[in-house]
Structure formats: structure tokens, C-alpha cells
Amino acid sequence: MARKLVIGNWKLNGSSAANAVLLTELAAEWRGAPGMQLVVCPPAPYLAQACDVLSGSAVTWGGQDVSDRPAGAFTGEVSAAMLKDLGCSHAIVGHSERRLRFGESNALVAAKAAAALDGGLVPVVCIGESAAERNEGRALAVLQAQVEAVLAVVAAPRLPGVAFAYEPLWAIGTGQNADPQIAATVHAFVRGLLARADLAAAAEVPILYGGSVKAANAAEYAAQRDIDGVLVGGASLIAPDFLAIAAA
């Protein structure tokens, strides 16, 4: 059975003062839950602060991105080893905003996932279709290409060390969340793709939903089969809301 994950992606938000309040509240209030992990992903400059505040708590932390290269002349990049050195447990790769704004291809996202895995991190591979792709009936084909790119570079026995996050592009930051039952159908499709590689391993891979997740709708997603948690954006910046989502 897949472990449960609730991940907060702060995106390009935060300040030392605001982070201290948020992280301290999360560390004080979240006591953990069996088989579940609560993760926050601040911008890279604040990872050391997250490490300082959250160490010893039940909350873990991760990167919003990771380089596909281990070291070298790659200005501005952050390697898996660097994230690991700062105590990170996870790294988000292929978020829709990076695919759209920075032109990250399926192959590059897959390479980043492999680099994170090699570096001892859990890559959280974001996948999803645009509104146009869904309206044209191509959503599943788009998702299949994104998943199969990862399967091409991650050996089947290593799949339990990977997580996926289905985030339909039309739901990111729009307030228009996907219907939970429709999302569950997509999650089942993704798990089926993983099962082709390794049936036993596929059952252990967490598949999260991301896209306008709030405290008000988190329980609906949690109740669906094959939805193993959520990737949260804006609501993860408000401690009571993020904790309510985790509780759901």
C-alpha cells in the first residue's frame, strides 16, 4: 500500500520573518500520523531555515526543483546532494509552471527524477494536461508520455522511491479544482501505467492530486481510491489551512 503524503509547495513566496512564524507553528502543531508524511517545500534560499526550525519535529522539508546534474559549471542550479545536505527528504520535479515557463521537457523531468533518486531524495514527479489537451481528448496520451519518460530512466524495482502528483494545468492557481471522482479515474490510469512496469512496486507509489486544494475539499480527495495525498500551493502558506488539509 502506498504511503500518504501531503506536500506544501510555497512557490515564489516567503521571507525570513514570515517563514519563522509559519514553520514554528507547523512544528508545534503537527504531531504526525501513522503511514503519512507532511512535507514543506520552501524556495531554495530558505531551506537552511526550514532545516533549523523543523529538525526534530514531525514535519519534513524538500526542494521545489533539483538539477539533473550532480555538480559542475551549471550556474544557478541546485543538486540533489546539496538538498540532501540541507536535510531534504523530497524534491518536486516537472511542476507545470516549470514545464510551461521554462520549457522543461518530459526527458529533462525524467532525468531530474533519476538524479533526485540517485541522491537519496524522493522525486515528486508532476504530471498533467492543459485545458486544450483535455478538450481535444488527448489528456491520457499526454499523461502516458510523461509517465513513460520516467519509466524509461527509473528501473522498476526503484519505483517505490518515487511519487507522482497529478496536477491538471487548468486547475493550478485557478480555484477550479478537478472533480474528485474524475481525478481518481486519472490516478487509476497512472497506477495502471506503473503496474505495467512492476505490479507490486506500482501499489507502493504515492500518487497525489494537486490543483486548487483547500481545507474545504481535501477530504473529498482523501476519500478516493488511488489518491494518496495532495500537493498544496497557496493554502500551504497558511498554517491552520495546511494543518486542516493534513488532518483530512
C-alpha atoms as a PDB file:
ATOM      1  CA  MET A   1       0.000   0.000   0.000  1.00  0.00           C
ATOM      2  CA  ALA A   2       1.281   3.458  -0.907  1.00  0.00           C
ATOM      3  CA  ARG A   3       2.294   5.783   1.893  1.00  0.00           C
ATOM      4  CA  LYS A   4       0.343   9.014   2.342  1.00  0.00           C
ATOM      5  CA  LEU A   5       1.905  12.374   1.521  1.00  0.00           C
ATOM      6  CA  VAL A   6       0.800  15.969   1.976  1.00  0.00           C
ATOM      7  CA  ILE A   7       3.261  18.381   0.378  1.00  0.00           C
ATOM      8  CA  GLY A   8       3.194  22.159   0.570  1.00  0.00           C
ATOM      9  CA  ASN A   9       4.751  23.991  -2.371  1.00  0.00           C
ATOM     10  CA  TRP A  10       5.435  27.585  -1.339  1.00  0.00           C
ATOM     11  CA  LYS A  11       6.431  28.573  -4.892  1.00  0.00           C
ATOM     12  CA  LEU A  12       7.998  32.073  -5.064  1.00  0.00           C
ATOM     13  CA  ASN A  13       6.785  33.173  -1.643  1.00  0.00           C
ATOM     14  CA  GLY A  14       8.278  33.696   1.793  1.00  0.00           C
ATOM     15  CA  SER A  15      10.536  35.864   3.926  1.00  0.00           C
ATOM     16  CA  SER A  16      12.723  35.012   6.885  1.00  0.00           C
ATOM     17  CA  ALA A  17      10.275  36.599   9.328  1.00  0.00           C
ATOM     18  CA  ALA A  18       7.106  35.116   7.836  1.00  0.00           C
ATOM     19  CA  ASN A  19       8.731  31.699   7.425  1.00  0.00           C
ATOM     20  CA  ALA A  20       9.747  31.606  11.074  1.00  0.00           C
ATOM     21  CA  VAL A  21       6.143  32.073  12.188  1.00  0.00           C
ATOM     22  CA  LEU A  22       4.751  29.503   9.735  1.00  0.00           C
ATOM     23  CA  LEU A  23       7.396  26.844  10.310  1.00  0.00           C
ATOM     24  CA  THR A  24       7.282  27.221  14.082  1.00  0.00           C
ATOM     25  CA  GLU A  25       3.512  26.760  14.091  1.00  0.00           C
ATOM     26  CA  LEU A  26       3.700  23.693  11.872  1.00  0.00           C
ATOM     27  CA  ALA A  27       6.418  22.148  14.025  1.00  0.00           C
ATOM     28  CA  ALA A  28       4.424  22.781  17.194  1.00  0.00           C
ATOM     29  CA  GLU A  29       1.033  21.629  15.920  1.00  0.00           C
ATOM     30  CA  TRP A  30       1.768  18.655  13.656  1.00  0.00           C
ATOM     31  CA  ARG A  31       2.381  15.514  15.709  1.00  0.00           C
ATOM     32  CA  GLY A  32       2.488  13.092  12.813  1.00  0.00           C
ATOM     33  CA  ALA A  33       0.168  10.314  11.685  1.00  0.00           C
ATOM     34  CA  PRO A  34       0.855   6.621  11.001  1.00  0.00           C
ATOM     35  CA  GLY A  35       1.909   5.965   7.418  1.00  0.00           C
ATOM     36  CA  MET A  36       1.794   9.647   6.487  1.00  0.00           C
ATOM     37  CA  GLN A  37       4.379  12.344   5.860  1.00  0.00           C
ATOM     38  CA  LEU A  38       3.906  16.123   5.932  1.00  0.00           C
ATOM     39  CA  VAL A  39       6.427  17.982   3.749  1.00  0.00           C
ATOM     40  CA  VAL A  40       7.033  21.674   3.110  1.00  0.00           C
ATOM     41  CA  CYS A  41       8.954  22.917   0.054  1.00  0.00           C
ATOM     42  CA  PRO A  42      10.174  26.493   0.519  1.00  0.00           C
ATOM     43  CA  PRO A  43      12.248  28.415  -2.039  1.00  0.00           C
ATOM     44  CA  ALA A  44      15.867  27.202  -2.022  1.00  0.00           C
ATOM     45  CA  PRO A  45      17.276  30.196  -0.069  1.00  0.00           C
ATOM     46  CA  TYR A  46      15.067  29.259   2.884  1.00  0.00           C
ATOM     47  CA  LEU A  47      15.847  25.549   3.070  1.00  0.00           C
ATOM     48  CA  ALA A  48      18.503  26.104   5.741  1.00  0.00           C
ATOM     49  CA  GLN A  49      15.914  27.962   7.809  1.00  0.00           C
ATOM     50  CA  ALA A  50      13.456  25.087   7.379  1.00  0.00           C
ATOM     51  CA  CYS A  51      16.168  22.673   8.495  1.00  0.00           C
ATOM     52  CA  ASP A  52      16.878  24.770  11.608  1.00  0.00           C
ATOM     53  CA  VAL A  53      13.239  25.161  12.653  1.00  0.00           C
ATOM     54  CA  LEU A  54      11.838  21.758  11.687  1.00  0.00           C
ATOM     55  CA  SER A  55      14.677  19.464  12.779  1.00  0.00           C
ATOM     56  CA  GLY A  56      13.379  17.119  15.455  1.00  0.00           C
ATOM     57  CA  SER A  57       9.732  17.760  14.519  1.00  0.00           C
ATOM     58  CA  ALA A  58       7.309  15.515  12.634  1.00  0.00           C
ATOM     59  CA  VAL A  59       7.433  17.839   9.601  1.00  0.00           C
ATOM     60  CA  THR A  60       9.945  17.218   6.819  1.00  0.00           C
ATOM     61  CA  TRP A  61      11.083  19.511   4.012  1.00  0.00           C
ATOM     62  CA  GLY A  62      12.148  19.360   0.390  1.00  0.00           C
ATOM     63  CA  GLY A  63      13.162  21.314  -2.689  1.00  0.00           C
ATOM     64  CA  GLN A  64      10.896  22.835  -5.314  1.00  0.00           C
ATOM     65  CA  ASP A  65      13.251  21.666  -8.049  1.00  0.00           C
ATOM     66  CA  VAL A  66      16.549  19.816  -8.479  1.00  0.00           C
ATOM     67  CA  SER A  67      19.229  19.776 -11.150  1.00  0.00           C
ATOM     68  CA  ASP A  68      19.707  16.784 -13.393  1.00  0.00           C
ATOM     69  CA  ARG A  69      23.482  17.294 -12.928  1.00  0.00           C
ATOM     70  CA  PRO A  70      25.434  16.271  -9.813  1.00  0.00           C
ATOM     71  CA  ALA A  71      27.957  19.156  -9.924  1.00  0.00           C
ATOM     72  CA  GLY A  72      29.911  21.428 -12.256  1.00  0.00           C
ATOM     73  CA  ALA A  73      29.584  24.627 -14.250  1.00  0.00           C
ATOM     74  CA  PHE A  74      25.815  24.977 -14.054  1.00  0.00           C
ATOM     75  CA  THR A  75      25.187  28.428 -12.604  1.00  0.00           C
ATOM     76  CA  GLY A  76      22.003  28.766 -10.583  1.00  0.00           C
ATOM     77  CA  GLU A  77      21.365  25.039 -10.297  1.00  0.00           C
ATOM     78  CA  VAL A  78      20.864  23.125  -7.047  1.00  0.00           C
ATOM     79  CA  SER A  79      21.963  19.482  -6.924  1.00  0.00           C
ATOM     80  CA  ALA A  80      20.376  16.550  -5.133  1.00  0.00           C
ATOM     81  CA  ALA A  81      23.464  16.316  -2.911  1.00  0.00           C
ATOM     82  CA  MET A  82      23.002  19.942  -1.841  1.00  0.00           C
ATOM     83  CA  LEU A  83      19.345  19.349  -0.978  1.00  0.00           C
ATOM     84  CA  LYS A  84      20.273  16.208   0.932  1.00  0.00           C
ATOM     85  CA  ASP A  85      22.972  18.150   2.785  1.00  0.00           C
ATOM     86  CA  LEU A  86      20.241  20.529   3.987  1.00  0.00           C
ATOM     87  CA  GLY A  87      18.181  17.648   5.330  1.00  0.00           C
ATOM     88  CA  CYS A  88      15.668  17.476   2.487  1.00  0.00           C
ATOM     89  CA  SER A  89      13.629  14.323   2.030  1.00  0.00           C
ATOM     90  CA  HIS A  90      11.845  15.189  -1.242  1.00  0.00           C
ATOM     91  CA  ALA A  91      12.275  17.216  -4.415  1.00  0.00           C
ATOM     92  CA  ILE A  92       9.479  18.364  -6.706  1.00  0.00           C
ATOM     93  CA  VAL A  93      10.313  17.882 -10.390  1.00  0.00           C
ATOM     94  CA  GLY A  94       8.420  18.874 -13.512  1.00  0.00           C
ATOM     95  CA  HIS A  95       5.921  21.198 -11.873  1.00  0.00           C
ATOM     96  CA  SER A  96       3.582  22.578 -14.534  1.00  0.00           C
ATOM     97  CA  GLU A  97       4.964  26.074 -14.025  1.00  0.00           C
ATOM     98  CA  ARG A  98       8.463  24.841 -14.852  1.00  0.00           C
ATOM     99  CA  ARG A  99       7.244  22.866 -17.845  1.00  0.00           C
ATOM    100  CA  LEU A 100       5.366  25.890 -19.190  1.00  0.00           C
ATOM    101  CA  ARG A 101       7.588  28.834 -18.204  1.00  0.00           C
ATOM    102  CA  PHE A 102      10.983  27.184 -18.552  1.00  0.00           C
ATOM    103  CA  GLY A 103      10.263  24.688 -21.311  1.00  0.00           C
ATOM    104  CA  GLU A 104      11.174  21.589 -19.327  1.00  0.00           C
ATOM    105  CA  SER A 105      10.651  18.518 -21.493  1.00  0.00           C
ATOM    106  CA  ASN A 106       9.483  15.086 -20.395  1.00  0.00           C
ATOM    107  CA  ALA A 107      13.055  13.844 -20.858  1.00  0.00           C
ATOM    108  CA  LEU A 108      14.537  16.568 -18.654  1.00  0.00           C
ATOM    109  CA  VAL A 109      11.921  15.997 -15.949  1.00  0.00           C
ATOM    110  CA  ALA A 110      12.690  12.288 -16.015  1.00  0.00           C
ATOM    111  CA  ALA A 111      16.430  12.998 -15.752  1.00  0.00           C
ATOM    112  CA  LYS A 112      15.788  15.229 -12.739  1.00  0.00           C
ATOM    113  CA  ALA A 113      13.707  12.477 -11.141  1.00  0.00           C
ATOM    114  CA  ALA A 114      16.538   9.980 -11.631  1.00  0.00           C
ATOM    115  CA  ALA A 115      19.090  12.450 -10.222  1.00  0.00           C
ATOM    116  CA  ALA A 116      16.937  13.039  -7.130  1.00  0.00           C
ATOM    117  CA  LEU A 117      16.535   9.315  -6.613  1.00  0.00           C
ATOM    118  CA  ASP A 118      20.268   8.725  -7.040  1.00  0.00           C
ATOM    119  CA  GLY A 119      20.879  11.442  -4.456  1.00  0.00           C
ATOM    120  CA  GLY A 120      18.720   9.807  -1.810  1.00  0.00           C
ATOM    121  CA  LEU A 121      15.657  12.017  -2.297  1.00  0.00           C
ATOM    122  CA  VAL A 122      12.080  11.120  -3.177  1.00  0.00           C
ATOM    123  CA  PRO A 123      11.303  12.805  -6.504  1.00  0.00           C
ATOM    124  CA  VAL A 124       7.732  14.089  -6.689  1.00  0.00           C
ATOM    125  CA  VAL A 125       7.084  13.960 -10.426  1.00  0.00           C
ATOM    126  CA  CYS A 126       4.363  16.370 -11.506  1.00  0.00           C
ATOM    127  CA  ILE A 127       2.238  15.375 -14.478  1.00  0.00           C
ATOM    128  CA  GLY A 128      -0.844  16.936 -16.009  1.00  0.00           C
ATOM    129  CA  GLU A 129      -2.669  18.099 -19.104  1.00  0.00           C
ATOM    130  CA  SER A 130      -3.769  21.532 -20.300  1.00  0.00           C
ATOM    131  CA  ALA A 131      -7.394  22.530 -20.808  1.00  0.00           C
ATOM    132  CA  ALA A 132      -6.898  22.323 -24.578  1.00  0.00           C
ATOM    133  CA  GLU A 133      -5.429  18.833 -24.365  1.00  0.00           C
ATOM    134  CA  ARG A 134      -8.342  17.663 -22.213  1.00  0.00           C
ATOM    135  CA  ASN A 135     -10.933  19.247 -24.508  1.00  0.00           C
ATOM    136  CA  GLU A 136      -9.298  17.593 -27.514  1.00  0.00           C
ATOM    137  CA  GLY A 137      -9.434  14.173 -25.842  1.00  0.00           C
ATOM    138  CA  ARG A 138      -5.649  13.919 -25.516  1.00  0.00           C
ATOM    139  CA  ALA A 139      -5.331  14.089 -21.723  1.00  0.00           C
ATOM    140  CA  LEU A 140      -4.493  10.417 -21.158  1.00  0.00           C
ATOM    141  CA  ALA A 141      -1.999  10.345 -24.030  1.00  0.00           C
ATOM    142  CA  VAL A 142      -0.205  13.381 -22.548  1.00  0.00           C
ATOM    143  CA  LEU A 143      -0.090  11.767 -19.113  1.00  0.00           C
ATOM    144  CA  GLN A 144       1.133   8.478 -20.546  1.00  0.00           C
ATOM    145  CA  ALA A 145       4.045  10.196 -22.312  1.00  0.00           C
ATOM    146  CA  GLN A 146       5.008  11.999 -19.094  1.00  0.00           C
ATOM    147  CA  VAL A 147       4.917   8.808 -17.005  1.00  0.00           C
ATOM    148  CA  GLU A 148       6.666   6.638 -19.577  1.00  0.00           C
ATOM    149  CA  ALA A 149       9.540   9.125 -19.793  1.00  0.00           C
ATOM    150  CA  VAL A 150      10.207   8.439 -16.099  1.00  0.00           C
ATOM    151  CA  LEU A 151       9.826   4.681 -16.540  1.00  0.00           C
ATOM    152  CA  ALA A 152      12.463   4.831 -19.265  1.00  0.00           C
ATOM    153  CA  VAL A 153      15.148   6.004 -16.808  1.00  0.00           C
ATOM    154  CA  VAL A 154      13.972   4.609 -13.448  1.00  0.00           C
ATOM    155  CA  ALA A 155      14.217   0.843 -13.124  1.00  0.00           C
ATOM    156  CA  ALA A 156      11.014  -0.863 -11.970  1.00  0.00           C
ATOM    157  CA  PRO A 157      12.415  -2.024  -8.588  1.00  0.00           C
ATOM    158  CA  ARG A 158      13.180   1.625  -7.733  1.00  0.00           C
ATOM    159  CA  LEU A 159       9.643   2.867  -8.381  1.00  0.00           C
ATOM    160  CA  PRO A 160       8.566   2.753  -4.701  1.00  0.00           C
ATOM    161  CA  GLY A 161      11.106   5.529  -4.123  1.00  0.00           C
ATOM    162  CA  VAL A 162       9.226   7.849  -6.491  1.00  0.00           C
ATOM    163  CA  ALA A 163       5.983   9.793  -6.025  1.00  0.00           C
ATOM    164  CA  PHE A 164       3.771  11.273  -8.729  1.00  0.00           C
ATOM    165  CA  ALA A 165       1.479  14.282  -8.481  1.00  0.00           C
ATOM    166  CA  TYR A 166      -1.377  14.716 -10.956  1.00  0.00           C
ATOM    167  CA  GLU A 167      -1.914  18.442 -11.384  1.00  0.00           C
ATOM    168  CA  PRO A 168      -4.171  19.384 -14.299  1.00  0.00           C
ATOM    169  CA  LEU A 169      -2.788  22.650 -15.636  1.00  0.00           C
ATOM    170  CA  TRP A 170      -6.232  24.208 -15.800  1.00  0.00           C
ATOM    171  CA  ALA A 171      -6.602  23.789 -12.025  1.00  0.00           C
ATOM    172  CA  ILE A 172      -3.275  25.286 -10.892  1.00  0.00           C
ATOM    173  CA  GLY A 173      -3.929  28.512  -9.003  1.00  0.00           C
ATOM    174  CA  THR A 174      -7.317  28.980 -10.666  1.00  0.00           C
ATOM    175  CA  GLY A 175      -9.635  27.880  -7.884  1.00  0.00           C
ATOM    176  CA  GLN A 176     -11.108  25.383 -10.374  1.00  0.00           C
ATOM    177  CA  ASN A 177     -10.245  22.029  -8.805  1.00  0.00           C
ATOM    178  CA  ALA A 178     -10.799  18.767 -10.656  1.00  0.00           C
ATOM    179  CA  ASP A 179     -13.830  16.711  -9.622  1.00  0.00           C
ATOM    180  CA  PRO A 180     -12.518  14.176  -7.072  1.00  0.00           C
ATOM    181  CA  GLN A 181     -14.018  11.195  -8.899  1.00  0.00           C
ATOM    182  CA  ILE A 182     -12.549  12.320 -12.218  1.00  0.00           C
ATOM    183  CA  ALA A 183      -9.197  12.799 -10.515  1.00  0.00           C
ATOM    184  CA  ALA A 184      -9.462   9.298  -9.051  1.00  0.00           C
ATOM    185  CA  THR A 185     -10.033   7.886 -12.544  1.00  0.00           C
ATOM    186  CA  VAL A 186      -6.869   9.591 -13.760  1.00  0.00           C
ATOM    187  CA  HIS A 187      -4.933   8.292 -10.747  1.00  0.00           C
ATOM    188  CA  ALA A 188      -6.106   4.758 -11.509  1.00  0.00           C
ATOM    189  CA  PHE A 189      -4.913   5.192 -15.094  1.00  0.00           C
ATOM    190  CA  VAL A 190      -1.483   6.344 -13.897  1.00  0.00           C
ATOM    191  CA  ARG A 191      -1.202   3.433 -11.468  1.00  0.00           C
ATOM    192  CA  GLY A 192      -2.071   1.115 -14.334  1.00  0.00           C
ATOM    193  CA  LEU A 193       0.838   2.509 -16.348  1.00  0.00           C
ATOM    194  CA  LEU A 194       3.169   1.901 -13.409  1.00  0.00           C
ATOM    195  CA  ALA A 195       1.783  -1.616 -12.969  1.00  0.00           C
ATOM    196  CA  ARG A 196       2.880  -2.499 -16.484  1.00  0.00           C
ATOM    197  CA  ALA A 197       6.439  -1.960 -15.290  1.00  0.00           C
ATOM    198  CA  ASP A 198       6.053  -3.699 -11.927  1.00  0.00           C
ATOM    199  CA  LEU A 199       2.712  -4.612 -10.378  1.00  0.00           C
ATOM    200  CA  ALA A 200       3.964  -4.878  -6.789  1.00  0.00           C
ATOM    201  CA  ALA A 201       6.029  -1.697  -6.972  1.00  0.00           C
ATOM    202  CA  ALA A 202       3.135   0.259  -8.502  1.00  0.00           C
ATOM    203  CA  ALA A 203       0.988  -0.400  -5.444  1.00  0.00           C
ATOM    204  CA  GLU A 204       3.590   1.325  -3.256  1.00  0.00           C
ATOM    205  CA  VAL A 205       3.965   4.508  -5.328  1.00  0.00           C
ATOM    206  CA  PRO A 206       2.115   7.512  -3.851  1.00  0.00           C
ATOM    207  CA  ILE A 207       0.054   9.368  -6.428  1.00  0.00           C
ATOM    208  CA  LEU A 208      -1.012  12.802  -5.221  1.00  0.00           C
ATOM    209  CA  TYR A 209      -3.555  15.276  -6.520  1.00  0.00           C
ATOM    210  CA  GLY A 210      -2.578  18.922  -6.951  1.00  0.00           C
ATOM    211  CA  GLY A 211      -4.630  21.860  -8.157  1.00  0.00           C
ATOM    212  CA  SER A 212      -6.548  24.370  -6.019  1.00  0.00           C
ATOM    213  CA  VAL A 213      -6.534  22.056  -2.980  1.00  0.00           C
ATOM    214  CA  LYS A 214      -8.098  23.655   0.087  1.00  0.00           C
ATOM    215  CA  ALA A 215      -9.180  22.578   3.557  1.00  0.00           C
ATOM    216  CA  ALA A 216     -12.764  22.524   2.251  1.00  0.00           C
ATOM    217  CA  ASN A 217     -12.126  19.924  -0.480  1.00  0.00           C
ATOM    218  CA  ALA A 218      -9.165  17.891   0.831  1.00  0.00           C
ATOM    219  CA  ALA A 219     -11.336  15.241   2.496  1.00  0.00           C
ATOM    220  CA  GLU A 220     -13.117  14.538  -0.808  1.00  0.00           C
ATOM    221  CA  TYR A 221      -9.810  13.724  -2.456  1.00  0.00           C
ATOM    222  CA  ALA A 222      -8.593  11.697   0.501  1.00  0.00           C
ATOM    223  CA  ALA A 223     -11.695   9.510   0.264  1.00  0.00           C
ATOM    224  CA  GLN A 224     -10.949   8.425  -3.307  1.00  0.00           C
ATOM    225  CA  ARG A 225      -9.175   5.210  -4.147  1.00  0.00           C
ATOM    226  CA  ASP A 226      -5.708   5.698  -5.666  1.00  0.00           C
ATOM    227  CA  ILE A 227      -5.395   9.267  -4.332  1.00  0.00           C
ATOM    228  CA  ASP A 228      -2.640   9.010  -1.746  1.00  0.00           C
ATOM    229  CA  GLY A 229      -2.380  12.640  -0.730  1.00  0.00           C
ATOM    230  CA  VAL A 230      -2.204  16.158  -2.096  1.00  0.00           C
ATOM    231  CA  LEU A 231       0.266  18.718  -3.415  1.00  0.00           C
ATOM    232  CA  VAL A 232      -0.837  22.052  -1.972  1.00  0.00           C
ATOM    233  CA  GLY A 233       0.015  25.518  -3.250  1.00  0.00           C
ATOM    234  CA  GLY A 234      -1.339  28.708  -1.697  1.00  0.00           C
ATOM    235  CA  ALA A 235      -3.067  27.010   1.228  1.00  0.00           C
ATOM    236  CA  SER A 236       0.290  25.673   2.438  1.00  0.00           C
ATOM    237  CA  LEU A 237       1.305  29.245   3.330  1.00  0.00           C
ATOM    238  CA  ILE A 238      -1.431  29.444   5.981  1.00  0.00           C
ATOM    239  CA  ALA A 239      -0.633  27.129   8.873  1.00  0.00           C
ATOM    240  CA  PRO A 240      -4.223  26.424  10.052  1.00  0.00           C
ATOM    241  CA  ASP A 241      -5.341  25.657   6.493  1.00  0.00           C
ATOM    242  CA  PHE A 242      -2.362  23.428   5.741  1.00  0.00           C
ATOM    243  CA  LEU A 243      -2.798  21.547   9.019  1.00  0.00           C
ATOM    244  CA  ALA A 244      -6.517  21.089   8.296  1.00  0.00           C
ATOM    245  CA  ILE A 245      -5.677  19.622   4.893  1.00  0.00           C
ATOM    246  CA  ALA A 246      -3.179  17.249   6.527  1.00  0.00           C
ATOM    247  CA  ALA A 247      -5.770  16.216   9.104  1.00  0.00           C
ATOM    248  CA  ALA A 248      -8.226  15.401   6.306  1.00  0.00           C
END
